[in-house]
Amino acid sequence: MRPRQFGLRVHERGKATPGFTLYSPSWRPVTYLLDMDGNIVHRWDLAGYPGGYARLLPTGNLLATCCTEEGPPFKGGAKGGLFQELDWDGNLVWEYTDHWQHHDFRRLRNGNTLYAAWEIMPEDAAARVQGGVPGTEGPAGIINDCLYEITPDGEKVWEWHAHSLELEKYPLHPLCPRRVFAWCNTCSELDNGDILISLRQINTVAIIDKKTGKFTWERRDDMWGHQHDVQMLDNGNIMLFANGMNTLAPHPHSFITEFKKDTGEVVWEYRDDPRTYFYSHHISGAERLSSGNTLICEGSFGRIFEVTPEGEIVWEFVNPDFDLMFMGDHVNWVFRAFRYAEDSPEIAGRLKL
């Protein structure tokens, strides 16, 4: 569906959750904060294109990654490489470089930083990777996902490598290129210190035991269609953005699903009506707000909107900025978006609604 109106499209006062919305246009070196009327009320200039997105820390500082020129032998893939922590006024507080970093990163409770990265998979492991489109390996073989935890000084104190899995149990989706296994697009720390991840190319979400490096829980569902932004909610349920790509659905569409971790029982979903009106085949995410509403980022269209538990759209904004990406397209993509309350630690009264 081609958007015809950009900027603020819907604001149902009294139903929408008041706050400020943070987003980073994918091909513009900037991060914006919007008020509820869709006005830019604060911005941070970045050192390069976002490596996916940026997020606010409880201090009010912005933690972002920016795309560097060095790294893996292909472009795109929410590649970052340069970490920067900026204070409210845009001054540099902390910096770290890993040219193979991509997609996700989190500041941990202990002050360290967790992030996803790529590496060349060892040849003996690559030979065991099942599935995918035959003959689509890269010149260097198969790229492998890994996770690193670093101290503020840049010391690596924990790591995990996807090639440590029993690879035969995790075949790539038949329509996925074999250049990457398994495309980690989300990593976050749970309350017990374990790590929740999303592996796009194998339609799997899992929890890694921080001590053993083994999965203690996992679920695969090819109908998610290369999901993004898996998270554990305060109620213990799992929520994710199901992109709906490469599925057997008669009409491809995206949806948000919340399900019980132990049983897989679906307790809430958002789908549009008609369903095909909501579809982002890549990137994207969702956030459960304090009101019980859900903020959704339909990344391919730069669309950020808030829905009630009943599915009513009560706030909607479409990124009006179209920028030229490396493939030659002009896009208004947004990887993720976040809503911060006026009295939250991240905003702490610095802005007023």
Protein backbone atom coordinates (compact mmCIF):
# COMPACT_ATOMS: atom_id res chain seq x y z
CA MET A 1 0.00 0.00 0.00
CA ARG A 2 1.50 3.36 -1.02
CA PRO A 3 1.23 5.95 1.78
CA ARG A 4 -0.44 9.16 0.62
CA GLN A 5 -0.05 11.16 3.82
CA PHE A 6 3.15 11.54 5.82
CA GLY A 7 3.91 12.76 9.31
CA LEU A 8 1.15 12.49 11.91
CA ARG A 9 -1.92 10.67 10.59
CA VAL A 10 -3.84 9.70 13.76
CA HIS A 11 -3.87 10.95 17.34
CA GLU A 12 -6.76 9.85 19.52
CA ARG A 13 -6.23 11.90 22.67
CA GLY A 14 -7.24 10.02 25.78
CA LYS A 15 -6.63 6.67 24.09
CA ALA A 16 -3.01 7.04 22.94
CA THR A 17 -0.20 6.65 25.48
CA PRO A 18 1.44 10.05 26.12
CA GLY A 19 5.17 10.25 25.57
CA PHE A 20 7.95 10.90 23.11
CA THR A 21 8.72 8.56 20.21
CA LEU A 22 12.32 7.84 19.25
CA TYR A 23 13.23 6.71 15.74
CA SER A 24 16.18 6.75 13.34
CA PRO A 25 15.54 6.93 9.56
CA SER A 26 17.55 4.08 8.09
CA TRP A 27 19.56 6.09 5.54
CA ARG A 28 19.90 9.42 7.33
CA PRO A 29 22.59 10.06 10.01
CA VAL A 30 20.21 11.31 12.68
CA THR A 31 17.90 10.17 15.48
CA TYR A 32 14.68 12.06 16.26
CA LEU A 33 12.36 12.42 19.23
CA LEU A 34 8.75 13.23 18.34
CA ASP A 35 6.00 14.61 20.56
CA MET A 36 2.47 13.25 20.31
CA ASP A 37 1.64 15.77 17.58
CA GLY A 38 4.41 14.44 15.37
CA ASN A 39 6.73 17.40 15.90
CA ILE A 40 10.49 16.86 16.17
CA VAL A 41 11.35 18.13 19.65
CA HIS A 42 14.92 16.81 19.92
CA ARG A 43 17.56 15.26 17.66
CA TRP A 44 21.00 13.73 17.74
CA ASP A 45 23.32 13.89 14.74
CA LEU A 46 25.11 10.57 14.20
CA ALA A 47 28.55 9.80 12.79
CA GLY A 48 27.02 7.82 9.92
CA TYR A 49 23.93 5.93 8.79
CA PRO A 50 22.30 4.07 11.69
CA GLY A 51 23.36 0.46 12.07
CA GLY A 52 19.70 -0.35 12.56
CA TYR A 53 18.60 2.01 15.29
CA ALA A 54 19.40 3.92 18.48
CA ARG A 55 17.89 3.75 21.97
CA LEU A 56 17.87 5.94 25.05
CA LEU A 57 19.60 4.84 28.24
CA PRO A 58 18.18 5.60 31.72
CA THR A 59 20.75 8.40 31.99
CA GLY A 60 19.15 10.19 29.04
CA ASN A 61 22.16 9.40 26.87
CA LEU A 62 21.65 7.95 23.39
CA LEU A 63 23.30 4.62 22.52
CA ALA A 64 23.60 4.14 18.77
CA THR A 65 25.56 2.20 16.19
CA CYS A 66 26.62 3.67 12.86
CA CYS A 67 27.56 1.91 9.65
CA THR A 68 31.29 1.73 8.86
CA GLU A 69 32.91 1.01 5.51
CA GLU A 70 34.84 -2.05 6.68
CA GLY A 71 33.31 -5.39 7.62
CA PRO A 72 31.73 -8.43 5.97
CA PRO A 73 31.87 -8.94 2.18
CA PHE A 74 28.32 -7.66 1.55
CA LYS A 75 26.36 -4.49 2.22
CA GLY A 76 23.16 -4.02 4.17
CA GLY A 77 21.83 -6.36 6.81
CA ALA A 78 21.50 -3.60 9.42
CA LYS A 79 25.28 -3.46 9.59
CA GLY A 80 26.75 -1.10 12.17
CA GLY A 81 30.33 -1.19 13.33
CA LEU A 82 30.77 2.03 15.31
CA PHE A 83 29.17 2.29 18.75
CA GLN A 84 28.63 5.77 20.11
CA GLU A 85 27.07 6.92 23.36
CA LEU A 86 26.03 10.57 23.15
CA ASP A 87 24.77 12.75 25.98
CA TRP A 88 21.56 14.76 25.68
CA ASP A 89 23.43 17.56 23.93
CA GLY A 90 25.16 15.26 21.45
CA ASN A 91 28.57 15.14 23.13
CA LEU A 92 30.50 11.88 22.79
CA VAL A 93 30.61 9.87 26.04
CA TRP A 94 31.77 6.43 24.85
CA GLU A 95 32.91 4.83 21.60
CA TYR A 96 33.82 1.34 20.45
CA THR A 97 34.39 -0.22 17.02
CA ASP A 98 33.68 -3.71 15.72
CA HIS A 99 33.24 -3.50 11.95
CA TRP A 100 31.33 -6.81 11.91
CA GLN A 101 28.64 -5.71 14.37
CA HIS A 102 25.09 -5.80 13.04
CA HIS A 103 21.43 -5.39 14.01
CA ASP A 104 21.10 -5.40 17.79
CA PHE A 105 22.91 -4.22 20.91
CA ARG A 106 21.97 -3.63 24.55
CA ARG A 107 23.52 -1.89 27.53
CA LEU A 108 23.43 -4.48 30.32
CA ARG A 109 22.64 -3.91 33.97
CA ASN A 110 26.31 -4.36 34.90
CA GLY A 111 27.33 -1.53 32.55
CA ASN A 112 28.70 -3.83 29.86
CA THR A 113 27.35 -3.90 26.30
CA LEU A 114 25.92 -6.94 24.50
CA TYR A 115 25.80 -7.02 20.71
CA ALA A 116 25.37 -9.24 17.67
CA ALA A 117 28.21 -9.66 15.16
CA TRP A 118 29.23 -11.73 12.19
CA GLU A 119 32.29 -13.88 11.48
CA ILE A 120 33.38 -16.37 8.82
CA MET A 121 32.03 -19.79 9.79
CA PRO A 122 34.68 -22.52 10.06
CA GLU A 123 34.66 -24.73 6.95
CA ASP A 124 33.86 -27.92 8.86
CA ALA A 125 30.81 -26.26 10.41
CA ALA A 126 29.71 -24.67 7.12
CA ALA A 127 29.68 -28.12 5.51
CA ARG A 128 27.04 -29.17 8.05
CA VAL A 129 24.60 -26.31 7.39
CA GLN A 130 21.38 -27.68 5.95
CA GLY A 131 18.75 -26.02 3.73
CA GLY A 132 18.74 -22.72 1.92
CA VAL A 133 19.11 -22.08 -1.80
CA PRO A 134 21.92 -24.30 -3.16
CA GLY A 135 25.00 -22.52 -4.43
CA THR A 136 24.28 -19.17 -2.72
CA GLU A 137 27.25 -19.17 -0.34
CA GLY A 138 29.44 -16.07 -0.48
CA PRO A 139 33.00 -16.02 -1.86
CA ALA A 140 34.35 -16.50 1.67
CA GLY A 141 31.88 -19.27 2.48
CA ILE A 142 29.08 -18.92 5.02
CA ILE A 143 28.94 -16.02 7.46
CA ASN A 144 28.19 -17.04 11.05
CA ASP A 145 26.42 -15.11 13.80
CA CYS A 146 28.01 -14.50 17.17
CA LEU A 147 27.29 -12.49 20.30
CA TYR A 148 29.78 -10.55 22.39
CA GLU A 149 29.67 -8.86 25.77
CA ILE A 150 32.24 -6.11 26.24
CA THR A 151 33.22 -3.97 29.21
CA PRO A 152 33.28 -0.16 28.95
CA ASP A 153 36.98 -0.55 28.17
CA GLY A 154 36.20 -2.83 25.21
CA GLU A 155 37.33 -6.11 26.77
CA LYS A 156 35.35 -9.14 25.59
CA VAL A 157 34.17 -11.03 28.66
CA TRP A 158 31.56 -13.38 27.11
CA GLU A 159 30.85 -14.72 23.65
CA TRP A 160 28.58 -17.16 21.85
CA HIS A 161 28.85 -18.57 18.33
CA ALA A 162 25.96 -19.96 16.29
CA HIS A 163 28.23 -22.66 14.80
CA SER A 164 28.31 -24.23 18.28
CA LEU A 165 24.72 -25.41 17.69
CA GLU A 166 23.89 -28.90 16.49
CA LEU A 167 23.61 -27.42 13.00
CA GLU A 168 21.76 -30.35 11.44
CA LYS A 169 18.79 -29.54 13.71
CA TYR A 170 18.49 -25.98 12.41
CA PRO A 171 18.09 -25.98 8.62
CA LEU A 172 17.85 -22.67 6.82
CA HIS A 173 14.47 -21.86 5.34
CA PRO A 174 14.43 -23.29 1.78
CA LEU A 175 14.14 -19.83 0.19
CA CYS A 176 16.97 -18.24 2.18
CA PRO A 177 20.41 -17.66 0.65
CA ARG A 178 23.16 -19.71 2.29
CA ARG A 179 25.50 -16.75 2.69
CA VAL A 180 24.53 -16.26 6.38
CA PHE A 181 23.64 -18.63 9.21
CA ALA A 182 21.40 -17.80 11.05
CA TRP A 183 20.97 -13.98 10.93
CA CYS A 184 20.52 -12.85 14.54
CA ASN A 185 18.43 -9.68 14.57
CA THR A 186 17.63 -9.41 18.31
CA CYS A 187 19.54 -10.03 21.53
CA SER A 188 18.46 -8.97 25.01
CA GLU A 189 19.24 -9.77 28.61
CA LEU A 190 16.57 -11.46 30.74
CA ASP A 191 16.11 -10.89 34.47
CA ASN A 192 18.18 -13.99 35.31
CA GLY A 193 21.04 -12.89 33.04
CA ASP A 194 20.31 -15.32 30.21
CA ILE A 195 20.05 -14.03 26.63
CA LEU A 196 16.93 -14.03 24.44
CA ILE A 197 17.67 -14.06 20.70
CA SER A 198 15.88 -14.10 17.35
CA LEU A 199 17.41 -16.02 14.43
CA ARG A 200 15.72 -14.83 11.26
CA GLN A 201 16.87 -17.35 8.62
CA ILE A 202 15.72 -20.33 10.67
CA ASN A 203 12.49 -18.75 12.03
CA THR A 204 13.62 -19.48 15.58
CA VAL A 205 13.64 -17.65 18.89
CA ALA A 206 15.62 -19.05 21.79
CA ILE A 207 17.10 -18.42 25.24
CA ILE A 208 20.83 -18.95 25.71
CA ASP A 209 22.04 -20.05 29.14
CA LYS A 210 24.71 -17.46 29.91
CA LYS A 211 26.89 -20.00 31.76
CA THR A 212 26.75 -22.97 29.38
CA GLY A 213 26.03 -21.31 26.02
CA LYS A 214 23.27 -23.87 25.42
CA PHE A 215 19.64 -23.22 24.53
CA THR A 216 17.36 -23.69 27.52
CA TRP A 217 14.24 -22.86 25.50
CA GLU A 218 13.49 -22.46 21.82
CA ARG A 219 10.60 -22.26 19.41
CA ARG A 220 10.50 -22.35 15.63
CA ASP A 221 7.52 -21.36 13.50
CA ASP A 222 7.98 -20.92 9.76
CA MET A 223 4.68 -19.02 9.62
CA TRP A 224 6.38 -16.13 11.45
CA GLY A 225 8.17 -15.43 8.18
CA HIS A 226 11.61 -14.31 9.48
CA GLN A 227 10.55 -12.60 12.70
CA HIS A 228 12.15 -9.60 14.40
CA ASP A 229 12.27 -7.94 17.83
CA VAL A 230 11.49 -10.88 20.11
CA GLN A 231 11.08 -9.84 23.74
CA MET A 232 9.88 -11.19 27.06
CA LEU A 233 7.08 -9.10 28.52
CA ASP A 234 6.61 -8.32 32.20
CA ASN A 235 3.95 -11.05 32.36
CA GLY A 236 6.48 -13.65 31.20
CA ASN A 237 4.94 -14.03 27.74
CA ILE A 238 6.94 -13.74 24.52
CA MET A 239 6.06 -11.10 21.92
CA LEU A 240 7.55 -10.65 18.46
CA PHE A 241 7.01 -9.03 15.07
CA ALA A 242 6.12 -11.80 12.59
CA ASN A 243 7.17 -10.39 9.20
CA GLY A 244 5.22 -12.94 7.18
CA MET A 245 7.81 -13.42 4.42
CA ASN A 246 8.26 -16.78 2.61
CA THR A 247 5.29 -18.42 4.31
CA LEU A 248 2.47 -20.61 3.03
CA ALA A 249 -0.12 -17.94 3.87
CA PRO A 250 -2.39 -17.30 0.85
CA HIS A 251 -1.99 -13.53 1.29
CA PRO A 252 1.37 -12.45 2.76
CA HIS A 253 1.02 -10.10 5.71
CA SER A 254 2.73 -9.24 8.96
CA PHE A 255 1.34 -9.61 12.46
CA ILE A 256 2.30 -9.11 16.09
CA THR A 257 1.95 -12.21 18.25
CA GLU A 258 2.12 -12.66 22.03
CA PHE A 259 2.22 -16.22 23.32
CA LYS A 260 2.87 -18.12 26.52
CA LYS A 261 6.50 -19.14 26.70
CA ASP A 262 5.98 -22.66 28.05
CA THR A 263 2.95 -23.74 26.04
CA GLY A 264 3.07 -21.62 22.90
CA GLU A 265 -0.57 -20.65 23.43
CA VAL A 266 -1.31 -17.39 21.61
CA VAL A 267 -2.88 -14.88 24.00
CA TRP A 268 -2.95 -11.78 21.76
CA GLU A 269 -2.30 -10.86 18.14
CA TYR A 270 -2.59 -7.81 15.97
CA ARG A 271 -3.42 -8.22 12.29
CA ASP A 272 -4.92 -5.58 10.06
CA ASP A 273 -8.25 -5.92 8.27
CA PRO A 274 -7.68 -6.47 5.36
CA ARG A 275 -4.61 -8.33 6.56
CA THR A 276 -2.50 -7.34 3.54
CA TYR A 277 -2.69 -3.67 4.63
CA PHE A 278 -0.04 -4.48 7.26
CA TYR A 279 3.12 -5.97 5.80
CA SER A 280 6.83 -5.37 6.25
CA HIS A 281 8.91 -8.22 4.87
CA HIS A 282 12.01 -7.16 6.84
CA ILE A 283 13.22 -5.03 9.81
CA SER A 284 10.34 -3.78 12.11
CA GLY A 285 9.36 -4.29 15.73
CA ALA A 286 6.83 -3.72 18.50
CA GLU A 287 6.84 -2.45 22.08
CA ARG A 288 4.25 -3.09 24.81
CA LEU A 289 3.49 0.23 26.49
CA SER A 290 2.64 0.89 30.13
CA SER A 291 -0.99 1.53 29.18
CA GLY A 292 -1.34 -1.96 27.72
CA ASN A 293 -1.33 -0.57 24.18
CA THR A 294 1.33 -1.69 21.71
CA LEU A 295 3.59 0.56 19.64
CA ILE A 296 4.34 -1.03 16.26
CA CYS A 297 7.02 -0.13 13.72
CA GLU A 298 6.11 -1.28 10.19
CA GLY A 299 9.64 -0.71 9.01
CA SER A 300 9.36 -1.04 5.22
CA PHE A 301 6.87 1.83 5.08
CA GLY A 302 8.42 3.96 7.84
CA ARG A 303 5.10 3.64 9.65
CA ILE A 304 4.93 3.84 13.46
CA PHE A 305 1.53 3.31 15.06
CA GLU A 306 -0.06 2.49 18.40
CA VAL A 307 -2.93 0.04 18.85
CA THR A 308 -5.16 -0.79 21.80
CA PRO A 309 -5.58 -4.40 22.96
CA GLU A 310 -8.72 -4.45 20.77
CA GLY A 311 -6.66 -3.44 17.73
CA GLU A 312 -7.85 0.16 17.37
CA ILE A 313 -5.22 2.48 15.91
CA VAL A 314 -4.96 5.46 18.27
CA TRP A 315 -1.71 7.07 17.07
CA GLU A 316 0.02 6.86 13.72
CA PHE A 317 3.02 8.56 12.13
CA VAL A 318 4.73 7.88 8.79
CA ASN A 319 8.34 8.95 8.35
CA PRO A 320 8.25 11.69 5.69
CA ASP A 321 11.96 11.49 4.85
CA PHE A 322 12.98 9.42 1.81
CA ASP A 323 16.72 8.88 1.39
CA LEU A 324 18.84 7.11 -1.20
CA MET A 325 20.13 3.70 -0.11
CA PHE A 326 23.03 1.73 -1.60
CA MET A 327 20.74 -0.34 -3.85
CA GLY A 328 19.52 2.81 -5.62
CA ASP A 329 16.06 3.00 -4.05
CA HIS A 330 14.66 5.98 -2.16
CA VAL A 331 13.23 4.61 1.08
CA ASN A 332 11.77 5.88 4.37
CA TRP A 333 12.57 2.72 6.33
CA VAL A 334 12.63 2.69 10.13
CA PHE A 335 14.19 -0.30 11.90
CA ARG A 336 12.56 0.18 15.33
CA ALA A 337 10.83 2.84 17.40
CA PHE A 338 10.40 3.44 21.13
CA ARG A 339 8.01 5.50 23.27
CA TYR A 340 9.30 7.22 26.44
CA ALA A 341 7.03 8.83 29.03
CA GLU A 342 7.63 12.43 30.06
CA ASP A 343 8.54 11.32 33.61
CA SER A 344 10.65 8.32 32.51
CA PRO A 345 14.34 8.22 33.52
CA GLU A 346 15.25 8.62 29.85
CA ILE A 347 13.34 11.90 29.47
CA ALA A 348 13.28 12.97 33.14
CA GLY A 349 11.44 16.21 32.45
CA ARG A 350 13.91 17.42 29.81
CA LEU A 351 10.93 17.79 27.46
CA LYS A 352 7.29 18.68 28.16
CA LEU A 353 4.18 17.42 26.41
